[in-house]
Amino acid sequence: MLKRLSHLSSNSKHLIHCSVLHCMVIYYVYSFLYVKLDSDEEIDPWTEYGVTWTYMLYLFRVLIFLVVPQCLFNFFGLTCYNAFVNTVELKGSANTTPFICFRVVTRGDFPDLVKRNIQRNIKTCLDIGLENFTFEVATDQHLQLPIQPRVREILIPTTYSTKTGALFKARALQYCLEDDVNQLSVDDWIVHLDEETLVTENSVRGIINFVIKNKHEFGQGVITYANDEIRNWLTTLADSFRVSEDYGKIRFQFLMFHRPIFGIKGSYVVSRYKAEKDVSFDHGADGSVAEDCYFSLIAYKKGYTFDFIEGEMHEKSPFNIGDFIQQRKRWIQGIWLVVHSSKIPLKNKFFVTMSFYGWLTLPLSTSNLLWTVFFPLPADQYIFLNIVVAFMAALNTYMYIFGVIKSFSLRKIGFFKFMLCLVCSIVTIPFNVVIENIAVIWGIISNKHKFYVVQKV
């Protein structure tokens, strides 16, 4: 079985993946409509529940439309582009590329992790023949990195402050761009990594292809979370959805529109130095919590273009549930500050704002599970809404499955464990929904200018 699956071509795998996704959508839509339309309940909600409560019930139903654009981007990203190409082929010479700086930002709490990953990443780059590169580590605390030609430690002074008072990671990134600190030329490239990020040979080849192409100022690729030792299976399975989003909306927005319509992540970002310097990370406290998203929308505003980079990098999911919730809470609060910033025009943040309010109203949308049972509405009056809900339910369920497929190696863990992971990815969906609801509520009521750092070792 394993041997037969491993010998399928990438096109065959993509065809099977698309077929399963489309069949799930058809099944969900048919089942949802059949159950609803087969009901013989004839309820007049305006009389039964009253005008105010009926309006509220319909409002809870239509909130789902806030995330329709995001779902469509995920759907088209997953189906329009093949995600099963195993090897990224170099389109030029690795030893004649423009200069590439891999930049890691850290508070300095985990020096051994940084040292270990720097060495692993340097070896990966050398293994594929990359020569024109360096690693920079911007840190709040001295790490005592071994002195070597390709590694530079940048210690951020405690007295340093930006012009607008940027904080946290944004402050560190801005310090690296200061004229008396920077050592890069205007056409050099920066690859932003977190301290736990491990590059792969495919991702380095993808970066080389991107900089050789020299058509877009910024790029981003896929990150997976189930590599090496898994510290927490529950959070890792929950993060499988993020992997699908990388292959879905992130890839679609960059390959089709070359714009950060839904923003970007903070690591595996590749940027031309000249463009990054122009956009800058100096956007005050409001641009310091979700500095990645804020940065991308300012770049969007300035007219810079983005592209998708082939090849994946590896990171770890949070090690415990508390950190998992804190991470989501920080994202909620950071995006809150982004979408309410007067410095970003609505046209550049419109879809981020829609997606954010879809996330923010998740507790209300989730409550529909209860209201549908106890306060049913006439099914024949909102058939289209039922179709949309069924489509989104099918897509979101499948994205957990697809994320597992792309995160776990069938060859490494075996058929039984692989199938168990697929099943568990579905079983953990209720857990993920509960966690997201907790994070949303906590994010709304707590201080939005804090930056929580999860445990890394």
Protein backbone atom coordinates (compact mmCIF):
# COMPACT_ATOMS: atom_id res chain seq x y z
CA MET A 1 0.00 0.00 0.00
CA LEU A 2 2.73 2.46 1.03
CA LYS A 3 4.78 1.57 -2.01
CA ARG A 4 1.86 2.10 -4.41
CA LEU A 5 1.02 5.48 -2.90
CA SER A 6 4.63 6.65 -2.93
CA HIS A 7 4.95 5.84 -6.64
CA LEU A 8 2.00 7.99 -7.70
CA SER A 9 2.97 11.02 -9.75
CA SER A 10 2.44 14.49 -8.28
CA ASN A 11 -0.33 15.13 -10.82
CA SER A 12 -2.11 11.93 -9.78
CA LYS A 13 -1.89 12.89 -6.11
CA HIS A 14 -3.24 16.36 -6.89
CA LEU A 15 -6.12 14.85 -8.89
CA ILE A 16 -7.03 12.52 -5.99
CA HIS A 17 -6.81 15.42 -3.53
CA CYS A 18 -9.10 17.61 -5.67
CA SER A 19 -11.56 14.75 -6.16
CA VAL A 20 -11.81 14.08 -2.43
CA LEU A 21 -12.32 17.78 -1.67
CA HIS A 22 -15.04 18.17 -4.31
CA CYS A 23 -16.78 14.99 -3.19
CA MET A 24 -16.79 16.23 0.42
CA VAL A 25 -18.31 19.55 -0.66
CA ILE A 26 -21.02 17.81 -2.71
CA TYR A 27 -21.80 15.41 0.13
CA TYR A 28 -22.03 18.17 2.73
CA VAL A 29 -24.24 20.35 0.55
CA TYR A 30 -26.54 17.47 -0.37
CA SER A 31 -26.80 16.21 3.21
CA PHE A 32 -27.40 19.65 4.65
CA LEU A 33 -30.08 20.57 2.14
CA TYR A 34 -31.74 17.16 2.28
CA VAL A 35 -32.03 17.27 6.07
CA LYS A 36 -33.29 20.84 6.07
CA LEU A 37 -35.71 20.60 3.16
CA ASP A 38 -37.06 17.24 4.23
CA SER A 39 -38.23 18.78 7.48
CA ASP A 40 -42.00 19.30 7.63
CA GLU A 41 -41.68 22.12 10.17
CA GLU A 42 -43.52 25.23 9.07
CA ILE A 43 -42.47 27.92 11.51
CA ASP A 44 -43.27 31.59 11.33
CA PRO A 45 -40.29 32.92 13.34
CA TRP A 46 -41.67 36.47 13.50
CA THR A 47 -44.69 35.18 15.39
CA GLU A 48 -42.98 32.33 17.23
CA TYR A 49 -39.85 34.14 18.48
CA GLY A 50 -40.71 37.82 18.17
CA VAL A 51 -39.27 40.44 15.83
CA THR A 52 -36.12 41.30 17.82
CA TRP A 53 -35.00 37.72 18.41
CA THR A 54 -35.76 36.74 14.80
CA TYR A 55 -33.56 39.57 13.54
CA MET A 56 -30.81 38.34 15.89
CA LEU A 57 -31.14 34.78 14.64
CA TYR A 58 -30.81 35.87 11.02
CA LEU A 59 -27.86 38.09 11.95
CA PHE A 60 -26.08 35.13 13.55
CA ARG A 61 -26.65 33.17 10.34
CA VAL A 62 -25.27 35.81 7.96
CA LEU A 63 -22.11 36.49 9.99
CA ILE A 64 -20.70 33.49 8.20
CA PHE A 65 -20.39 35.59 5.02
CA LEU A 66 -17.54 37.57 6.59
CA VAL A 67 -15.18 34.65 5.97
CA VAL A 68 -16.50 33.64 2.55
CA PRO A 69 -13.68 35.47 0.66
CA GLN A 70 -11.05 33.73 2.77
CA CYS A 71 -12.69 30.35 2.18
CA LEU A 72 -12.82 30.95 -1.57
CA PHE A 73 -9.12 31.83 -1.62
CA ASN A 74 -8.37 28.64 0.30
CA PHE A 75 -10.50 26.58 -2.06
CA PHE A 76 -8.95 27.94 -5.23
CA GLY A 77 -5.45 27.82 -3.79
CA LEU A 78 -5.85 24.15 -2.91
CA THR A 79 -7.36 23.16 -6.24
CA CYS A 80 -5.73 25.41 -8.86
CA TYR A 81 -2.10 24.65 -7.97
CA ASN A 82 -0.34 21.33 -7.46
CA ALA A 83 0.88 20.98 -3.87
CA PHE A 84 2.49 17.56 -4.34
CA VAL A 85 5.69 18.44 -6.20
CA ASN A 86 8.31 16.70 -4.07
CA THR A 87 11.46 18.45 -5.28
CA VAL A 88 12.00 22.09 -6.14
CA GLU A 89 14.27 22.32 -9.16
CA LEU A 90 16.87 25.08 -9.31
CA LYS A 91 16.36 27.48 -12.21
CA GLY A 92 19.86 28.90 -11.99
CA SER A 93 23.20 28.45 -10.28
CA ALA A 94 23.26 28.40 -6.49
CA ASN A 95 26.75 29.90 -6.30
CA THR A 96 25.99 32.98 -8.42
CA THR A 97 22.87 34.23 -6.66
CA PRO A 98 22.55 37.74 -5.20
CA PHE A 99 23.66 38.03 -1.58
CA ILE A 100 21.15 36.50 0.85
CA CYS A 101 20.98 37.33 4.56
CA PHE A 102 19.05 34.90 6.76
CA ARG A 103 17.91 37.05 9.70
CA VAL A 104 16.76 35.60 13.03
CA VAL A 105 15.20 37.79 15.73
CA THR A 106 15.20 36.56 19.32
CA ARG A 107 14.87 37.89 22.85
CA GLY A 108 17.81 35.62 23.73
CA ASP A 109 15.88 33.34 26.10
CA PHE A 110 16.88 30.16 24.22
CA PRO A 111 20.55 30.52 23.19
CA ASP A 112 21.20 26.81 22.71
CA LEU A 113 18.22 26.51 20.37
CA VAL A 114 19.47 29.44 18.29
CA LYS A 115 23.03 28.09 18.11
CA ARG A 116 21.85 24.61 17.14
CA ASN A 117 19.47 25.79 14.44
CA ILE A 118 21.96 28.26 12.96
CA GLN A 119 24.44 25.43 12.42
CA ARG A 120 21.81 23.15 10.91
CA ASN A 121 20.59 25.88 8.58
CA ILE A 122 24.10 26.80 7.44
CA LYS A 123 24.78 23.14 6.64
CA THR A 124 21.58 22.92 4.59
CA CYS A 125 22.56 25.99 2.57
CA LEU A 126 26.06 24.66 1.93
CA ASP A 127 24.75 21.21 0.98
CA ILE A 128 22.94 22.61 -2.07
CA GLY A 129 25.88 24.80 -3.10
CA LEU A 130 24.75 28.22 -1.84
CA GLU A 131 27.81 30.37 -1.18
CA ASN A 132 26.76 34.01 -1.18
CA PHE A 133 24.95 34.14 2.16
CA THR A 134 25.19 34.95 5.85
CA PHE A 135 23.14 34.49 9.04
CA GLU A 136 22.38 37.47 11.27
CA VAL A 137 20.93 37.04 14.76
CA ALA A 138 19.34 40.14 16.27
CA THR A 139 19.04 39.60 20.01
CA ASP A 140 18.17 41.48 23.18
CA GLN A 141 20.66 39.38 25.17
CA HIS A 142 24.20 38.36 24.27
CA LEU A 143 24.12 34.78 22.98
CA GLN A 144 27.87 34.19 22.71
CA LEU A 145 27.53 32.67 19.26
CA PRO A 146 30.71 30.98 18.00
CA ILE A 147 32.77 33.37 15.90
CA GLN A 148 32.59 32.21 12.29
CA PRO A 149 32.59 33.90 8.88
CA ARG A 150 28.91 33.40 8.03
CA VAL A 151 27.39 34.37 11.39
CA ARG A 152 26.87 37.85 12.80
CA GLU A 153 25.31 38.57 16.18
CA ILE A 154 23.56 41.94 16.49
CA LEU A 155 23.01 42.96 20.11
CA ILE A 156 20.17 45.47 20.38
CA PRO A 157 21.00 48.20 22.92
CA THR A 158 18.50 48.60 25.73
CA THR A 159 18.61 52.34 25.07
CA TYR A 160 17.56 52.01 21.43
CA SER A 161 14.18 53.39 20.44
CA THR A 162 12.68 54.01 17.01
CA LYS A 163 11.22 57.29 15.82
CA THR A 164 7.63 56.14 16.41
CA GLY A 165 8.26 53.97 19.45
CA ALA A 166 8.01 50.55 17.80
CA LEU A 167 8.15 47.64 20.27
CA PHE A 168 9.07 43.98 20.52
CA LYS A 169 10.08 42.22 17.29
CA ALA A 170 9.33 45.30 15.18
CA ARG A 171 11.85 47.30 17.22
CA ALA A 172 14.52 44.63 16.71
CA LEU A 173 13.87 44.39 12.97
CA GLN A 174 14.00 48.16 12.63
CA TYR A 175 17.33 48.31 14.48
CA CYS A 176 18.83 45.99 11.86
CA LEU A 177 17.81 48.49 9.16
CA GLU A 178 19.56 51.45 10.78
CA ASP A 179 22.35 52.86 8.62
CA ASP A 180 25.05 52.36 11.25
CA VAL A 181 24.01 48.74 11.81
CA ASN A 182 23.10 47.46 8.35
CA GLN A 183 25.82 45.86 6.21
CA LEU A 184 23.64 44.95 3.21
CA SER A 185 23.49 46.57 -0.20
CA VAL A 186 20.26 47.86 -1.70
CA ASP A 187 19.78 44.80 -3.94
CA ASP A 188 20.65 42.18 -1.34
CA TRP A 189 17.91 39.94 0.03
CA ILE A 190 16.73 39.18 3.57
CA VAL A 191 15.09 35.91 4.65
CA HIS A 192 13.25 36.35 7.95
CA LEU A 193 13.22 33.35 10.29
CA ASP A 194 12.02 32.71 13.81
CA GLU A 195 14.53 31.24 16.24
CA GLU A 196 13.04 27.75 15.87
CA THR A 197 12.74 27.84 12.06
CA LEU A 198 14.63 25.19 10.11
CA VAL A 199 15.18 25.70 6.41
CA THR A 200 15.05 22.75 4.02
CA GLU A 201 16.88 22.16 0.78
CA ASN A 202 13.64 22.70 -1.12
CA SER A 203 12.98 26.04 0.61
CA VAL A 204 16.52 27.27 -0.11
CA ARG A 205 16.13 26.29 -3.76
CA GLY A 206 12.78 28.09 -3.81
CA ILE A 207 14.38 31.22 -2.34
CA ILE A 208 17.19 31.07 -4.91
CA ASN A 209 14.65 30.78 -7.73
CA PHE A 210 12.70 33.72 -6.30
CA VAL A 211 15.70 36.08 -6.07
CA ILE A 212 17.03 35.02 -9.47
CA LYS A 213 13.62 35.74 -11.01
CA ASN A 214 13.95 39.24 -9.53
CA LYS A 215 10.39 40.21 -10.40
CA HIS A 216 8.82 40.87 -6.98
CA GLU A 217 10.14 42.60 -3.88
CA PHE A 218 8.64 40.21 -1.32
CA GLY A 219 7.84 36.51 -1.12
CA GLN A 220 6.63 33.84 1.29
CA GLY A 221 6.37 30.06 1.42
CA VAL A 222 4.89 27.20 3.43
CA ILE A 223 5.70 26.27 7.03
CA THR A 224 4.86 22.86 8.50
CA TYR A 225 4.86 21.87 12.18
CA ALA A 226 5.12 18.08 12.42
CA ASN A 227 8.82 17.50 11.82
CA ASP A 228 11.40 15.85 14.07
CA GLU A 229 10.15 15.40 17.64
CA ILE A 230 6.51 16.35 18.24
CA ARG A 231 6.15 17.91 21.68
CA ASN A 232 2.36 18.21 21.73
CA TRP A 233 0.20 16.17 19.36
CA LEU A 234 -2.95 18.16 20.10
CA THR A 235 -1.51 21.55 19.13
CA THR A 236 0.38 20.07 16.19
CA LEU A 237 -2.80 18.55 14.75
CA ALA A 238 -4.62 21.82 15.32
CA ASP A 239 -1.88 23.65 13.40
CA SER A 240 -2.47 21.41 10.38
CA PHE A 241 -5.12 23.96 9.41
CA ARG A 242 -2.41 26.64 9.15
CA VAL A 243 -0.48 24.45 6.72
CA SER A 244 -3.55 24.24 4.50
CA GLU A 245 -3.94 28.01 4.65
CA ASP A 246 -0.38 28.39 3.37
CA TYR A 247 -1.18 26.15 0.42
CA GLY A 248 -4.60 27.78 0.06
CA LYS A 249 -5.15 31.50 0.55
CA ILE A 250 -1.47 32.49 0.92
CA ARG A 251 -0.46 30.75 -2.29
CA PHE A 252 -3.54 31.90 -4.21
CA GLN A 253 -3.21 35.56 -3.23
CA PHE A 254 0.45 35.66 -4.27
CA LEU A 255 0.31 33.57 -7.45
CA MET A 256 -2.93 35.09 -8.74
CA PHE A 257 -2.80 38.70 -7.47
CA HIS A 258 0.76 39.19 -6.12
CA ARG A 259 -0.66 41.20 -3.24
CA PRO A 260 -0.94 40.43 0.52
CA ILE A 261 -4.72 40.53 0.41
CA PHE A 262 -4.95 38.57 3.67
CA GLY A 263 -1.56 39.65 5.05
CA ILE A 264 1.48 37.44 5.68
CA LYS A 265 3.11 35.38 8.45
CA GLY A 266 6.14 36.63 10.37
CA SER A 267 8.64 33.97 9.27
CA TYR A 268 9.73 32.56 5.91
CA VAL A 269 9.41 36.09 4.52
CA VAL A 270 11.89 37.03 1.80
CA SER A 271 12.40 40.71 1.01
CA ARG A 272 14.71 42.89 -1.04
CA TYR A 273 16.64 45.10 1.38
CA LYS A 274 15.83 48.32 -0.48
CA ALA A 275 12.09 47.62 -0.33
CA GLU A 276 12.15 46.53 3.33
CA LYS A 277 14.05 49.69 4.25
CA ASP A 278 11.42 51.79 2.49
CA VAL A 279 8.44 50.06 4.12
CA SER A 280 10.24 49.79 7.51
CA PHE A 281 8.99 48.25 10.75
CA ASP A 282 8.76 51.60 12.50
CA HIS A 283 5.00 51.96 12.82
CA GLY A 284 4.52 52.65 16.51
CA ALA A 285 2.90 50.46 19.14
CA ASP A 286 -0.06 49.56 16.91
CA GLY A 287 2.28 48.06 14.32
CA SER A 288 4.30 46.08 16.86
CA VAL A 289 2.04 43.20 17.92
CA ALA A 290 1.20 41.79 14.48
CA GLU A 291 4.19 43.48 12.86
CA ASP A 292 4.15 41.01 9.96
CA CYS A 293 0.60 41.80 8.87
CA TYR A 294 1.06 45.54 9.43
CA PHE A 295 4.29 45.53 7.40
CA SER A 296 2.68 43.66 4.51
CA LEU A 297 -0.26 46.05 4.25
CA ILE A 298 2.04 49.11 4.30
CA ALA A 299 4.01 47.43 1.49
CA TYR A 300 0.70 46.82 -0.32
CA LYS A 301 -0.17 50.49 0.14
CA LYS A 302 3.18 51.52 -1.37
CA GLY A 303 2.59 49.34 -4.43
CA TYR A 304 5.12 46.58 -3.80
CA THR A 305 4.36 43.10 -5.15
CA PHE A 306 4.67 39.65 -3.62
CA ASP A 307 5.16 36.11 -4.89
CA PHE A 308 4.79 32.58 -3.54
CA ILE A 309 8.02 30.68 -2.86
CA GLU A 310 8.15 26.93 -3.45
CA GLY A 311 9.54 24.65 -0.75
CA GLU A 312 8.62 24.38 2.91
CA MET A 313 10.33 25.32 6.15
CA HIS A 314 9.85 23.62 9.51
CA GLU A 315 8.75 24.99 12.86
CA LYS A 316 7.16 23.65 16.06
CA SER A 317 3.64 24.10 17.36
CA PRO A 318 3.27 25.46 20.91
CA PHE A 319 4.32 22.90 23.51
CA ASN A 320 1.27 23.33 25.76
CA ILE A 321 -2.34 24.45 25.59
CA GLY A 322 -1.68 27.64 27.55
CA ASP A 323 0.90 28.83 25.03
CA PHE A 324 -1.41 27.81 22.19
CA ILE A 325 -4.16 30.07 23.55
CA GLN A 326 -1.72 32.90 24.24
CA GLN A 327 -0.41 32.69 20.70
CA ARG A 328 -3.90 32.94 19.19
CA LYS A 329 -4.79 35.75 21.60
CA ARG A 330 -1.78 37.78 20.47
CA TRP A 331 -2.74 37.28 16.83
CA ILE A 332 -6.28 38.48 17.54
CA GLN A 333 -5.03 41.55 19.35
CA GLY A 334 -2.37 42.32 16.77
CA ILE A 335 -4.79 42.13 13.84
CA TRP A 336 -7.26 44.24 15.86
CA LEU A 337 -4.66 47.02 15.94
CA VAL A 338 -3.92 46.56 12.23
CA VAL A 339 -7.49 46.80 10.96
CA HIS A 340 -8.23 49.83 13.14
CA SER A 341 -5.07 51.71 12.13
CA SER A 342 -5.75 55.02 10.37
CA LYS A 343 -2.40 54.69 8.56
CA ILE A 344 -3.62 51.82 6.37
CA PRO A 345 -6.30 52.68 3.77
CA LEU A 346 -9.43 50.55 3.81
CA LYS A 347 -8.82 49.40 0.22
CA ASN A 348 -5.58 47.76 1.36
CA LYS A 349 -7.02 46.11 4.47
CA PHE A 350 -10.59 45.38 3.35
CA PHE A 351 -10.29 41.58 3.16
CA VAL A 352 -8.07 41.41 6.26
CA THR A 353 -10.79 43.36 8.06
CA MET A 354 -13.53 41.02 6.83
CA SER A 355 -11.52 37.99 7.89
CA PHE A 356 -10.73 39.57 11.26
CA TYR A 357 -14.37 40.34 12.07
CA GLY A 358 -15.31 36.84 10.99
CA TRP A 359 -12.77 35.64 13.56
CA LEU A 360 -13.89 38.16 16.18
CA THR A 361 -17.52 37.09 15.89
CA LEU A 362 -16.63 33.41 16.10
CA PRO A 363 -18.42 33.01 19.47
CA LEU A 364 -21.63 34.26 17.85
CA SER A 365 -21.18 32.04 14.79
CA THR A 366 -20.42 29.04 17.00
CA SER A 367 -23.58 29.69 18.98
CA ASN A 368 -25.54 28.88 15.81
CA LEU A 369 -25.02 25.22 16.65
CA LEU A 370 -27.28 25.83 19.62
CA TRP A 371 -29.73 28.28 18.03
CA THR A 372 -30.32 26.04 15.01
CA VAL A 373 -31.54 23.26 17.28
CA PHE A 374 -33.75 25.29 19.59
CA PHE A 375 -34.77 28.11 17.23
CA PRO A 376 -35.03 26.66 13.71
CA LEU A 377 -35.77 28.98 10.82
CA PRO A 378 -37.71 28.08 7.67
CA ALA A 379 -35.24 26.19 5.50
CA ASP A 380 -36.77 27.15 2.16
CA GLN A 381 -36.21 30.85 2.90
CA TYR A 382 -32.42 30.67 3.08
CA ILE A 383 -31.35 27.79 0.83
CA PHE A 384 -28.39 29.78 -0.49
CA LEU A 385 -27.16 30.37 3.06
CA ASN A 386 -27.40 26.64 3.75
CA ILE A 387 -25.31 25.92 0.67
CA VAL A 388 -22.66 28.42 1.77
CA VAL A 389 -22.54 26.98 5.30
CA ALA A 390 -22.26 23.43 3.96
CA PHE A 391 -19.49 24.42 1.54
CA MET A 392 -17.51 26.10 4.30
CA ALA A 393 -18.01 23.21 6.71
CA ALA A 394 -16.74 20.75 4.10
CA LEU A 395 -13.78 22.92 3.14
CA ASN A 396 -12.68 23.64 6.71
CA THR A 397 -12.98 19.99 7.68
CA TYR A 398 -10.94 18.93 4.68
CA MET A 399 -8.26 21.53 5.42
CA TYR A 400 -7.41 19.72 8.65
CA ILE A 401 -7.06 16.49 6.66
CA PHE A 402 -4.97 18.11 3.95
CA GLY A 403 -2.75 19.77 6.54
CA VAL A 404 -1.97 16.37 8.05
CA ILE A 405 -1.23 14.92 4.61
CA LYS A 406 1.28 17.70 3.94
CA SER A 407 2.78 17.67 7.44
CA PHE A 408 3.31 13.98 8.19
CA SER A 409 5.39 11.61 6.11
CA LEU A 410 3.54 8.40 5.27
CA ARG A 411 6.85 6.69 4.62
CA LYS A 412 8.33 7.72 7.98
CA ILE A 413 5.46 7.06 10.39
CA GLY A 414 3.75 4.18 8.60
CA PHE A 415 0.22 3.65 7.34
CA PHE A 416 -1.45 2.99 10.72
CA LYS A 417 -0.05 6.09 12.46
CA PHE A 418 -0.74 8.17 9.40
CA MET A 419 -4.40 7.12 9.31
CA LEU A 420 -4.64 7.70 13.06
CA CYS A 421 -3.37 11.25 12.55
CA LEU A 422 -6.02 11.82 9.86
CA VAL A 423 -8.77 10.63 12.19
CA CYS A 424 -7.44 12.63 15.13
CA SER A 425 -7.25 15.79 13.03
CA ILE A 426 -11.04 15.58 12.67
CA VAL A 427 -11.59 14.62 16.31
CA THR A 428 -9.60 17.67 17.49
CA ILE A 429 -11.71 20.16 15.52
CA PRO A 430 -14.06 20.79 18.49
CA PHE A 431 -10.99 21.41 20.66
CA ASN A 432 -9.67 23.93 18.16
CA VAL A 433 -13.03 25.71 18.00
CA VAL A 434 -13.15 25.99 21.80
CA ILE A 435 -9.57 27.27 21.93
CA GLU A 436 -10.24 29.87 19.24
CA ASN A 437 -13.33 31.07 21.11
CA ILE A 438 -11.37 31.42 24.35
CA ALA A 439 -8.61 33.31 22.55
CA VAL A 440 -11.12 35.67 20.92
CA ILE A 441 -12.88 36.52 24.17
CA TRP A 442 -9.60 36.90 26.06
CA GLY A 443 -8.18 39.02 23.26
CA ILE A 444 -11.14 41.39 23.35
CA ILE A 445 -11.05 42.05 27.08
CA SER A 446 -7.28 42.19 27.72
CA ASN A 447 -4.43 44.60 26.96
CA LYS A 448 -3.79 44.61 23.22
CA HIS A 449 -0.23 45.95 23.33
CA LYS A 450 1.44 42.90 24.88
CA PHE A 451 3.64 40.42 23.03
CA TYR A 452 3.61 36.93 24.52
CA VAL A 453 6.50 34.64 23.53
CA VAL A 454 5.74 30.91 23.64
CA GLN A 455 8.08 28.33 25.13
CA LYS A 456 10.58 27.08 22.52
CA VAL A 457 12.53 24.35 24.33
